[in-house]
C-alpha atoms as a PDB file:
ATOM      1  CA  MET A   1       2.127  -1.514 -23.480  1.00  0.00           C
ATOM      2  CA  PRO A   2       5.833  -0.884 -22.848  1.00  0.00           C
ATOM      3  CA  LYS A   3       7.411  -1.834 -19.529  1.00  0.00           C
ATOM      4  CA  THR A   4       9.315   1.435 -19.396  1.00  0.00           C
ATOM      5  CA  LEU A   5       7.894   4.591 -17.843  1.00  0.00           C
ATOM      6  CA  SER A   6       7.726   7.894 -19.690  1.00  0.00           C
ATOM      7  CA  PHE A   7       8.660  10.772 -17.388  1.00  0.00           C
ATOM      8  CA  GLU A   8       6.773  13.222 -19.598  1.00  0.00           C
ATOM      9  CA  LYS A   9       3.598  11.120 -19.602  1.00  0.00           C
ATOM     10  CA  ILE A  10       3.703  10.664 -15.817  1.00  0.00           C
ATOM     11  CA  GLN A  11       3.005  14.329 -15.114  1.00  0.00           C
ATOM     12  CA  ASP A  12       1.053  15.161 -18.271  1.00  0.00           C
ATOM     13  CA  GLY A  13      -2.563  15.770 -17.282  1.00  0.00           C
ATOM     14  CA  LEU A  14      -1.984  15.037 -13.571  1.00  0.00           C
ATOM     15  CA  LYS A  15      -4.891  16.695 -11.721  1.00  0.00           C
ATOM     16  CA  THR A  16      -3.413  16.838  -8.232  1.00  0.00           C
ATOM     17  CA  LYS A  17      -2.568  20.067  -6.412  1.00  0.00           C
ATOM     18  CA  LEU A  18       0.010  18.622  -4.034  1.00  0.00           C
ATOM     19  CA  PHE A  19       0.921  15.000  -4.772  1.00  0.00           C
ATOM     20  CA  GLY A  20       3.473  14.719  -7.567  1.00  0.00           C
ATOM     21  CA  LYS A  21       3.942  18.462  -7.993  1.00  0.00           C
ATOM     22  CA  TYR A  22       7.596  17.687  -7.288  1.00  0.00           C
ATOM     23  CA  LEU A  23       8.520  14.375  -8.871  1.00  0.00           C
ATOM     24  CA  PHE A  24      11.885  12.606  -8.988  1.00  0.00           C
ATOM     25  CA  PHE A  25      12.301   9.812 -11.519  1.00  0.00           C
ATOM     26  CA  ALA A  26      15.031   7.197 -11.979  1.00  0.00           C
ATOM     27  CA  ARG A  27      15.389   4.100 -14.101  1.00  0.00           C
ATOM     28  CA  GLU A  28      16.864   2.198 -11.143  1.00  0.00           C
ATOM     29  CA  VAL A  29      17.354   2.852  -7.434  1.00  0.00           C
ATOM     30  CA  SER A  30      18.027   0.675  -4.419  1.00  0.00           C
ATOM     31  CA  SER A  31      14.774   1.741  -2.737  1.00  0.00           C
ATOM     32  CA  THR A  32      12.329   4.570  -3.459  1.00  0.00           C
ATOM     33  CA  ASN A  33      11.647   4.833   0.295  1.00  0.00           C
ATOM     34  CA  ASP A  34      15.331   5.425   0.999  1.00  0.00           C
ATOM     35  CA  TRP A  35      15.488   7.943  -1.833  1.00  0.00           C
ATOM     36  CA  ALA A  36      12.391   9.746  -0.526  1.00  0.00           C
ATOM     37  CA  LYS A  37      13.932   9.885   2.956  1.00  0.00           C
ATOM     38  CA  GLU A  38      17.027  11.561   1.522  1.00  0.00           C
ATOM     39  CA  LEU A  39      14.809  14.067  -0.271  1.00  0.00           C
ATOM     40  CA  ALA A  40      12.799  14.742   2.891  1.00  0.00           C
ATOM     41  CA  GLU A  41      16.001  15.358   4.857  1.00  0.00           C
ATOM     42  CA  LEU A  42      17.013  17.866   2.188  1.00  0.00           C
ATOM     43  CA  GLY A  43      13.727  19.727   2.703  1.00  0.00           C
ATOM     44  CA  ALA A  44      11.548  18.315  -0.067  1.00  0.00           C
ATOM     45  CA  PRO A  45       7.969  19.563   0.413  1.00  0.00           C
ATOM     46  CA  GLU A  46       4.943  17.455   1.237  1.00  0.00           C
ATOM     47  CA  GLY A  47       3.592  15.552  -1.740  1.00  0.00           C
ATOM     48  CA  THR A  48       7.025  15.014  -3.314  1.00  0.00           C
ATOM     49  CA  VAL A  49       7.192  11.654  -5.109  1.00  0.00           C
ATOM     50  CA  ALA A  50      10.179   9.432  -5.846  1.00  0.00           C
ATOM     51  CA  ILE A  51       9.484   6.824  -8.545  1.00  0.00           C
ATOM     52  CA  ALA A  52      11.693   4.271 -10.269  1.00  0.00           C
ATOM     53  CA  GLU A  53      11.318   1.612 -12.943  1.00  0.00           C
ATOM     54  CA  THR A  54      13.144  -0.937 -10.818  1.00  0.00           C
ATOM     55  CA  GLN A  55      14.406  -1.277  -7.257  1.00  0.00           C
ATOM     56  CA  THR A  56      17.486  -3.346  -6.524  1.00  0.00           C
ATOM     57  CA  ALA A  57      16.824  -3.482  -2.767  1.00  0.00           C
ATOM     58  CA  GLY A  58      13.101  -2.896  -2.433  1.00  0.00           C
ATOM     59  CA  ARG A  59      11.650  -4.053   0.870  1.00  0.00           C
ATOM     60  CA  GLY A  60       8.350  -4.778   2.527  1.00  0.00           C
ATOM     61  CA  ARG A  61       7.390  -4.952   6.171  1.00  0.00           C
ATOM     62  CA  LEU A  62       9.915  -6.379   8.651  1.00  0.00           C
ATOM     63  CA  GLY A  63      12.736  -5.882   6.135  1.00  0.00           C
ATOM     64  CA  ARG A  64      11.478  -8.547   3.737  1.00  0.00           C
ATOM     65  CA  LYS A  65      12.715  -8.383   0.160  1.00  0.00           C
ATOM     66  CA  TRP A  66      10.276  -6.821  -2.286  1.00  0.00           C
ATOM     67  CA  HIS A  67      10.744  -7.925  -5.893  1.00  0.00           C
ATOM     68  CA  SER A  68      10.587  -4.871  -8.145  1.00  0.00           C
ATOM     69  CA  PRO A  69      11.187  -5.725 -11.818  1.00  0.00           C
ATOM     70  CA  ARG A  70      10.331  -3.472 -14.732  1.00  0.00           C
ATOM     71  CA  GLY A  71       6.632  -3.420 -15.435  1.00  0.00           C
ATOM     72  CA  GLY A  72       5.495  -2.557 -11.910  1.00  0.00           C
ATOM     73  CA  LEU A  73       4.839   0.728 -10.159  1.00  0.00           C
ATOM     74  CA  TRP A  74       7.379   1.401  -7.408  1.00  0.00           C
ATOM     75  CA  PHE A  75       7.114   4.822  -5.812  1.00  0.00           C
ATOM     76  CA  SER A  76       7.155   6.684  -2.489  1.00  0.00           C
ATOM     77  CA  VAL A  77       5.340   9.806  -1.331  1.00  0.00           C
ATOM     78  CA  ILE A  78       6.512  12.262   1.331  1.00  0.00           C
ATOM     79  CA  LEU A  79       3.747  13.336   3.729  1.00  0.00           C
ATOM     80  CA  LYS A  80       3.929  15.843   6.584  1.00  0.00           C
ATOM     81  CA  PRO A  81       0.620  15.619   8.443  1.00  0.00           C
ATOM     82  CA  ASN A  82       0.140  17.181  11.873  1.00  0.00           C
ATOM     83  CA  ILE A  83      -0.398  13.868  13.654  1.00  0.00           C
ATOM     84  CA  LYS A  84       1.077  11.869  16.511  1.00  0.00           C
ATOM     85  CA  GLN A  85       3.400   8.924  15.977  1.00  0.00           C
ATOM     86  CA  SER A  86       0.671   6.427  16.913  1.00  0.00           C
ATOM     87  CA  GLU A  87      -1.588   7.806  14.178  1.00  0.00           C
ATOM     88  CA  ALA A  88       0.852   7.308  11.294  1.00  0.00           C
ATOM     89  CA  VAL A  89      -0.533   3.799  10.668  1.00  0.00           C
ATOM     90  CA  HIS A  90      -3.731   5.496   9.471  1.00  0.00           C
ATOM     91  CA  LEU A  91      -1.871   6.552   6.332  1.00  0.00           C
ATOM     92  CA  VAL A  92      -1.243   2.915   5.406  1.00  0.00           C
ATOM     93  CA  PHE A  93      -4.979   2.230   5.503  1.00  0.00           C
ATOM     94  CA  LEU A  94      -5.600   5.385   3.462  1.00  0.00           C
ATOM     95  CA  THR A  95      -3.117   4.244   0.819  1.00  0.00           C
ATOM     96  CA  SER A  96      -4.385   0.677   0.486  1.00  0.00           C
ATOM     97  CA  LEU A  97      -7.923   2.071   0.205  1.00  0.00           C
ATOM     98  CA  ALA A  98      -6.758   4.400  -2.580  1.00  0.00           C
ATOM     99  CA  VAL A  99      -5.220   1.500  -4.488  1.00  0.00           C
ATOM    100  CA  ALA A 100      -8.247  -0.776  -4.076  1.00  0.00           C
ATOM    101  CA  GLU A 101     -10.734   1.928  -5.096  1.00  0.00           C
ATOM    102  CA  THR A 102      -8.641   2.879  -8.135  1.00  0.00           C
ATOM    103  CA  LEU A 103      -8.395  -0.724  -9.359  1.00  0.00           C
ATOM    104  CA  ARG A 104     -12.148  -1.137  -8.937  1.00  0.00           C
ATOM    105  CA  GLU A 105     -13.186   2.151 -10.540  1.00  0.00           C
ATOM    106  CA  ILE A 106     -10.841   2.196 -13.535  1.00  0.00           C
ATOM    107  CA  TYR A 107     -10.291  -1.481 -14.332  1.00  0.00           C
ATOM    108  CA  GLY A 108     -13.335  -3.178 -12.820  1.00  0.00           C
ATOM    109  CA  LEU A 109     -11.212  -5.444 -10.649  1.00  0.00           C
ATOM    110  CA  LYS A 110     -12.659  -6.766  -7.403  1.00  0.00           C
ATOM    111  CA  ALA A 111      -9.774  -5.425  -5.347  1.00  0.00           C
ATOM    112  CA  GLU A 112      -9.888  -6.013  -1.593  1.00  0.00           C
ATOM    113  CA  THR A 113      -8.069  -4.519   1.375  1.00  0.00           C
ATOM    114  CA  LYS A 114      -6.238  -6.887   3.750  1.00  0.00           C
ATOM    115  CA  TRP A 115      -4.834  -6.082   7.168  1.00  0.00           C
ATOM    116  CA  PRO A 116      -2.384  -4.630   7.748  1.00  0.00           C
ATOM    117  CA  ASN A 117      -0.970  -3.255   4.476  1.00  0.00           C
ATOM    118  CA  ASP A 118      -1.972  -5.268   1.396  1.00  0.00           C
ATOM    119  CA  VAL A 119      -4.345  -5.073  -1.533  1.00  0.00           C
ATOM    120  CA  LEU A 120      -5.617  -8.325  -3.040  1.00  0.00           C
ATOM    121  CA  VAL A 121      -7.084  -9.265  -6.402  1.00  0.00           C
ATOM    122  CA  ASP A 122      -8.542 -12.765  -6.797  1.00  0.00           C
ATOM    123  CA  GLY A 123      -7.323 -13.510  -3.280  1.00  0.00           C
ATOM    124  CA  CYS A 124      -3.677 -12.822  -4.166  1.00  0.00           C
ATOM    125  CA  LYS A 125      -1.442  -9.878  -3.328  1.00  0.00           C
ATOM    126  CA  VAL A 126      -1.239  -7.231  -6.035  1.00  0.00           C
ATOM    127  CA  CYS A 127       0.047  -4.347  -3.902  1.00  0.00           C
ATOM    128  CA  GLY A 128       2.015  -3.831  -0.710  1.00  0.00           C
ATOM    129  CA  ILE A 129       2.600  -0.644   1.263  1.00  0.00           C
ATOM    130  CA  LEU A 130       5.510   0.288   3.519  1.00  0.00           C
ATOM    131  CA  SER A 131       5.300   3.240   5.896  1.00  0.00           C
ATOM    132  CA  GLU A 132       8.387   4.745   7.533  1.00  0.00           C
ATOM    133  CA  MET A 133       8.648   7.981   9.484  1.00  0.00           C
ATOM    134  CA  LYS A 134      10.824  10.447  11.334  1.00  0.00           C
ATOM    135  CA  THR A 135       9.569  11.757  14.658  1.00  0.00           C
ATOM    136  CA  VAL A 136      10.512  14.397  17.177  1.00  0.00           C
ATOM    137  CA  GLY A 137       9.169  13.208  20.493  1.00  0.00           C
ATOM    138  CA  GLU A 138       5.587  12.131  19.834  1.00  0.00           C
ATOM    139  CA  GLU A 139       5.186  14.431  16.846  1.00  0.00           C
ATOM    140  CA  VAL A 140       5.707  13.314  13.257  1.00  0.00           C
ATOM    141  CA  GLU A 141       8.201  15.284  11.159  1.00  0.00           C
ATOM    142  CA  TYR A 142       7.466  13.326   7.984  1.00  0.00           C
ATOM    143  CA  VAL A 143       6.107   9.987   6.813  1.00  0.00           C
ATOM    144  CA  ILE A 144       7.317   8.104   3.749  1.00  0.00           C
ATOM    145  CA  ILE A 145       4.620   5.971   2.137  1.00  0.00           C
ATOM    146  CA  GLY A 146       6.078   3.384  -0.241  1.00  0.00           C
ATOM    147  CA  ILE A 147       3.736   1.753  -2.740  1.00  0.00           C
ATOM    148  CA  GLY A 148       4.529  -1.304  -4.832  1.00  0.00           C
ATOM    149  CA  VAL A 149       1.984  -2.458  -7.401  1.00  0.00           C
ATOM    150  CA  ASN A 150       2.446  -5.525  -9.606  1.00  0.00           C
ATOM    151  CA  VAL A 151       1.168  -4.165 -12.917  1.00  0.00           C
ATOM    152  CA  ASN A 152       2.475  -5.489 -16.251  1.00  0.00           C
ATOM    153  CA  LEU A 153       4.225  -8.541 -14.826  1.00  0.00           C
ATOM    154  CA  ASP A 154       4.180 -12.245 -15.547  1.00  0.00           C
ATOM    155  CA  VAL A 155       4.319 -13.489 -11.960  1.00  0.00           C
ATOM    156  CA  GLU A 156       5.571 -16.977 -12.827  1.00  0.00           C
ATOM    157  CA  LYS A 157       8.406 -15.600 -14.959  1.00  0.00           C
ATOM    158  CA  GLU A 158       9.481 -12.653 -12.832  1.00  0.00           C
ATOM    159  CA  PHE A 159       8.878 -13.752  -9.224  1.00  0.00           C
ATOM    160  CA  PRO A 160      10.435 -16.548  -7.149  1.00  0.00           C
ATOM    161  CA  LYS A 161       8.503 -19.814  -7.132  1.00  0.00           C
ATOM    162  CA  GLU A 162       7.514 -19.440  -3.472  1.00  0.00           C
ATOM    163  CA  LEU A 163       5.449 -16.367  -4.385  1.00  0.00           C
ATOM    164  CA  TRP A 164       3.518 -17.827  -7.316  1.00  0.00           C
ATOM    165  CA  GLN A 165       0.526 -18.915  -5.227  1.00  0.00           C
ATOM    166  CA  ARG A 166       0.341 -15.713  -3.177  1.00  0.00           C
ATOM    167  CA  ALA A 167       1.077 -12.944  -5.674  1.00  0.00           C
ATOM    168  CA  THR A 168      -0.716 -11.714  -8.772  1.00  0.00           C
ATOM    169  CA  SER A 169      -0.525  -8.790 -11.183  1.00  0.00           C
ATOM    170  CA  ILE A 170      -3.001  -6.527 -12.928  1.00  0.00           C
ATOM    171  CA  GLN A 171      -1.858  -8.017 -16.231  1.00  0.00           C
ATOM    172  CA  LYS A 172      -2.742 -11.518 -14.999  1.00  0.00           C
ATOM    173  CA  ALA A 173      -6.122 -10.414 -13.651  1.00  0.00           C
ATOM    174  CA  LEU A 174      -7.138  -8.489 -16.777  1.00  0.00           C
ATOM    175  CA  GLY A 175      -5.415 -10.680 -19.366  1.00  0.00           C
ATOM    176  CA  LYS A 176      -3.716  -7.617 -20.829  1.00  0.00           C
ATOM    177  CA  LYS A 177      -1.210  -4.889 -20.043  1.00  0.00           C
ATOM    178  CA  ILE A 178      -2.262  -1.396 -19.006  1.00  0.00           C
ATOM    179  CA  SER A 179      -0.665   2.041 -19.057  1.00  0.00           C
ATOM    180  CA  LEU A 180       1.674   2.476 -16.099  1.00  0.00           C
ATOM    181  CA  GLU A 181       1.390   6.242 -16.400  1.00  0.00           C
ATOM    182  CA  GLU A 182      -2.425   6.158 -16.379  1.00  0.00           C
ATOM    183  CA  LEU A 183      -2.497   4.022 -13.237  1.00  0.00           C
ATOM    184  CA  PHE A 184       0.136   6.142 -11.493  1.00  0.00           C
ATOM    185  CA  LYS A 185      -1.776   9.376 -12.098  1.00  0.00           C
ATOM    186  CA  ALA A 186      -5.078   7.826 -11.020  1.00  0.00           C
ATOM    187  CA  LEU A 187      -3.490   6.513  -7.817  1.00  0.00           C
ATOM    188  CA  LEU A 188      -1.966   9.881  -6.927  1.00  0.00           C
ATOM    189  CA  GLU A 189      -5.265  11.658  -7.553  1.00  0.00           C
ATOM    190  CA  LYS A 190      -7.168   9.152  -5.394  1.00  0.00           C
ATOM    191  CA  MET A 191      -4.549   9.324  -2.627  1.00  0.00           C
ATOM    192  CA  GLU A 192      -4.681  13.110  -2.548  1.00  0.00           C
ATOM    193  CA  SER A 193      -8.482  13.088  -2.410  1.00  0.00           C
ATOM    194  CA  LEU A 194      -8.536  10.645   0.518  1.00  0.00           C
ATOM    195  CA  TYR A 195      -5.694  12.504   2.248  1.00  0.00           C
ATOM    196  CA  GLN A 196      -7.752  15.697   2.220  1.00  0.00           C
ATOM    197  CA  ILE A 197     -10.683  13.803   3.752  1.00  0.00           C
ATOM    198  CA  PHE A 198      -8.321  12.420   6.397  1.00  0.00           C
ATOM    199  CA  LEU A 199      -6.979  15.872   7.282  1.00  0.00           C
ATOM    200  CA  LYS A 200     -10.456  17.428   7.498  1.00  0.00           C
ATOM    201  CA  GLU A 201     -12.560  14.596   8.933  1.00  0.00           C
ATOM    202  CA  GLY A 202     -10.090  12.254  10.598  1.00  0.00           C
ATOM    203  CA  PHE A 203      -9.574   8.527  10.243  1.00  0.00           C
ATOM    204  CA  THR A 204     -13.161   7.333  10.760  1.00  0.00           C
ATOM    205  CA  PRO A 205     -14.477   7.837   7.179  1.00  0.00           C
ATOM    206  CA  ILE A 206     -11.295   6.288   5.755  1.00  0.00           C
ATOM    207  CA  LEU A 207     -11.541   3.247   8.015  1.00  0.00           C
ATOM    208  CA  GLU A 208     -15.231   2.692   7.240  1.00  0.00           C
ATOM    209  CA  LYS A 209     -14.517   2.687   3.500  1.00  0.00           C
ATOM    210  CA  TRP A 210     -11.519   0.416   4.040  1.00  0.00           C
ATOM    211  CA  LYS A 211     -13.567  -2.097   6.023  1.00  0.00           C
ATOM    212  CA  GLY A 212     -16.187  -2.093   3.274  1.00  0.00           C
ATOM    213  CA  LEU A 213     -13.563  -3.639   0.961  1.00  0.00           C
ATOM    214  CA  ALA A 214     -12.141  -6.066   3.546  1.00  0.00           C
ATOM    215  CA  SER A 215     -13.639  -9.494   2.862  1.00  0.00           C
ATOM    216  CA  PHE A 216     -11.563 -11.180   5.603  1.00  0.00           C
ATOM    217  CA  LEU A 217     -13.687  -9.574   8.337  1.00  0.00           C
ATOM    218  CA  GLY A 218     -15.981 -12.191   9.821  1.00  0.00           C
ATOM    219  CA  CYS A 219     -13.743 -15.004   8.561  1.00  0.00           C
ATOM    220  CA  GLU A 220     -11.676 -17.600  10.399  1.00  0.00           C
ATOM    221  CA  VAL A 221      -8.092 -16.396  10.172  1.00  0.00           C
ATOM    222  CA  GLU A 222      -4.597 -17.199  11.334  1.00  0.00           C
ATOM    223  CA  VAL A 223      -2.196 -14.470  12.428  1.00  0.00           C
ATOM    224  CA  HIS A 224       1.552 -14.912  12.834  1.00  0.00           C
ATOM    225  CA  GLY A 225       3.330 -12.175  14.722  1.00  0.00           C
ATOM    226  CA  ASP A 226       5.376 -11.307  17.816  1.00  0.00           C
ATOM    227  CA  GLY A 227       6.578 -14.889  18.057  1.00  0.00           C
ATOM    228  CA  GLU A 228       3.117 -16.423  18.339  1.00  0.00           C
ATOM    229  CA  ARG A 229       0.424 -17.899  16.141  1.00  0.00           C
ATOM    230  CA  LEU A 230      -3.184 -16.933  16.781  1.00  0.00           C
ATOM    231  CA  GLU A 231      -6.328 -18.481  15.330  1.00  0.00           C
ATOM    232  CA  GLY A 232      -9.821 -17.076  15.534  1.00  0.00           C
ATOM    233  CA  THR A 233     -12.443 -14.902  13.908  1.00  0.00           C
ATOM    234  CA  ALA A 234     -11.505 -11.480  12.536  1.00  0.00           C
ATOM    235  CA  LEU A 235     -14.164  -9.291  14.146  1.00  0.00           C
ATOM    236  CA  ASN A 236     -13.099  -5.761  13.309  1.00  0.00           C
ATOM    237  CA  ILE A 237     -10.345  -3.189  12.837  1.00  0.00           C
ATOM    238  CA  ASP A 238     -10.383  -0.496  15.525  1.00  0.00           C
ATOM    239  CA  ASP A 239      -9.551   3.194  15.236  1.00  0.00           C
ATOM    240  CA  GLU A 240      -5.909   2.529  16.118  1.00  0.00           C
ATOM    241  CA  GLY A 241      -5.550   0.088  13.221  1.00  0.00           C
ATOM    242  CA  ALA A 242      -5.521  -2.987  15.470  1.00  0.00           C
ATOM    243  CA  LEU A 243      -7.134  -6.257  14.404  1.00  0.00           C
ATOM    244  CA  ILE A 244      -9.846  -7.385  16.835  1.00  0.00           C
ATOM    245  CA  LEU A 245      -9.624 -11.151  16.990  1.00  0.00           C
ATOM    246  CA  ARG A 246     -11.967 -13.545  18.830  1.00  0.00           C
ATOM    247  CA  LEU A 247      -9.849 -16.544  19.748  1.00  0.00           C
ATOM    248  CA  ARG A 248     -11.018 -20.152  19.874  1.00  0.00           C
ATOM    249  CA  ASP A 249     -11.506 -19.967  23.652  1.00  0.00           C
ATOM    250  CA  GLY A 250     -13.890 -17.028  23.261  1.00  0.00           C
ATOM    251  CA  SER A 251     -11.482 -14.368  24.493  1.00  0.00           C
ATOM    252  CA  VAL A 252     -10.878 -11.246  22.420  1.00  0.00           C
ATOM    253  CA  ARG A 253      -7.434  -9.892  21.522  1.00  0.00           C
ATOM    254  CA  ARG A 254      -6.238  -6.667  19.934  1.00  0.00           C
ATOM    255  CA  VAL A 255      -3.399  -7.441  17.509  1.00  0.00           C
ATOM    256  CA  PHE A 256      -1.189  -4.648  16.219  1.00  0.00           C
ATOM    257  CA  VAL A 257       1.441  -6.556  14.227  1.00  0.00           C
ATOM    258  CA  GLY A 258       1.236  -9.763  12.234  1.00  0.00           C
ATOM    259  CA  ASP A 259       0.705 -11.594   8.976  1.00  0.00           C
ATOM    260  CA  LEU A 260      -2.904 -12.595   8.375  1.00  0.00           C
ATOM    261  CA  SER A 261      -4.107 -15.516   6.306  1.00  0.00           C
ATOM    262  CA  ILE A 262      -7.707 -16.617   5.802  1.00  0.00           C
ATOM    263  CA  LYS A 263      -8.470 -20.169   6.946  1.00  0.00           C
ATOM    264  CA  MET A 264     -12.165 -20.234   6.166  1.00  0.00           C
ATOM    265  CA  LYS A 265     -14.438 -17.823   4.311  1.00  0.00           C
ATOM    266  CA  ARG A 266     -17.760 -16.792   5.813  1.00  0.00           C
END
């Protein structure tokens, strides 16, 4: 499979009604999220997608560098749901669920969701999601959902050494390359399907499905965030997207921001 994307193949046979109807493609950009923001400010409609073969300044949460070589899927979707600012985090859960379900259904991979914004395969990160938004008061004007999936990549050749133990790719998991266009279309179709459920039924059905793929729940975990390190048992994710953590002293904390690592499986 080639590492380059075919613009014609990306939209050919796409079954969505909204997502990807307007699609902007580039061989290289600094960041698809920044590009999508520019498009949103120019009035691009909901469901518009910005996709690139490479990003020169891709980023993850907290401004961390996101490595985006050719062979991955790097794209951002513009959403305009009628929700409050505090509810925008729900879209991150929706997106990671879409990725995990797609990898399971199409490629038979045991993909798992991990709080707050990752998808794992074989315990290693295969996908990260970055949500950014513009608000007016408490109301959301638009949300940009950035998705980065390590697809046809040799992690040890293309990523820095410090990521080798924590990152993986679909190519590594399957032992072969797959069609970038096929995966992209499947992801958009799954995202649109879950987005419609979210708009009609709310966050609850999305969260329940998400938790069903979250193997860290019930495990001993460590969370780094807000200048502190917490250790305890991951009990649940609540309807605001917070991690419910039972600490060593028996007290229970709600954690909204942090990096989670599993210390001991159930």
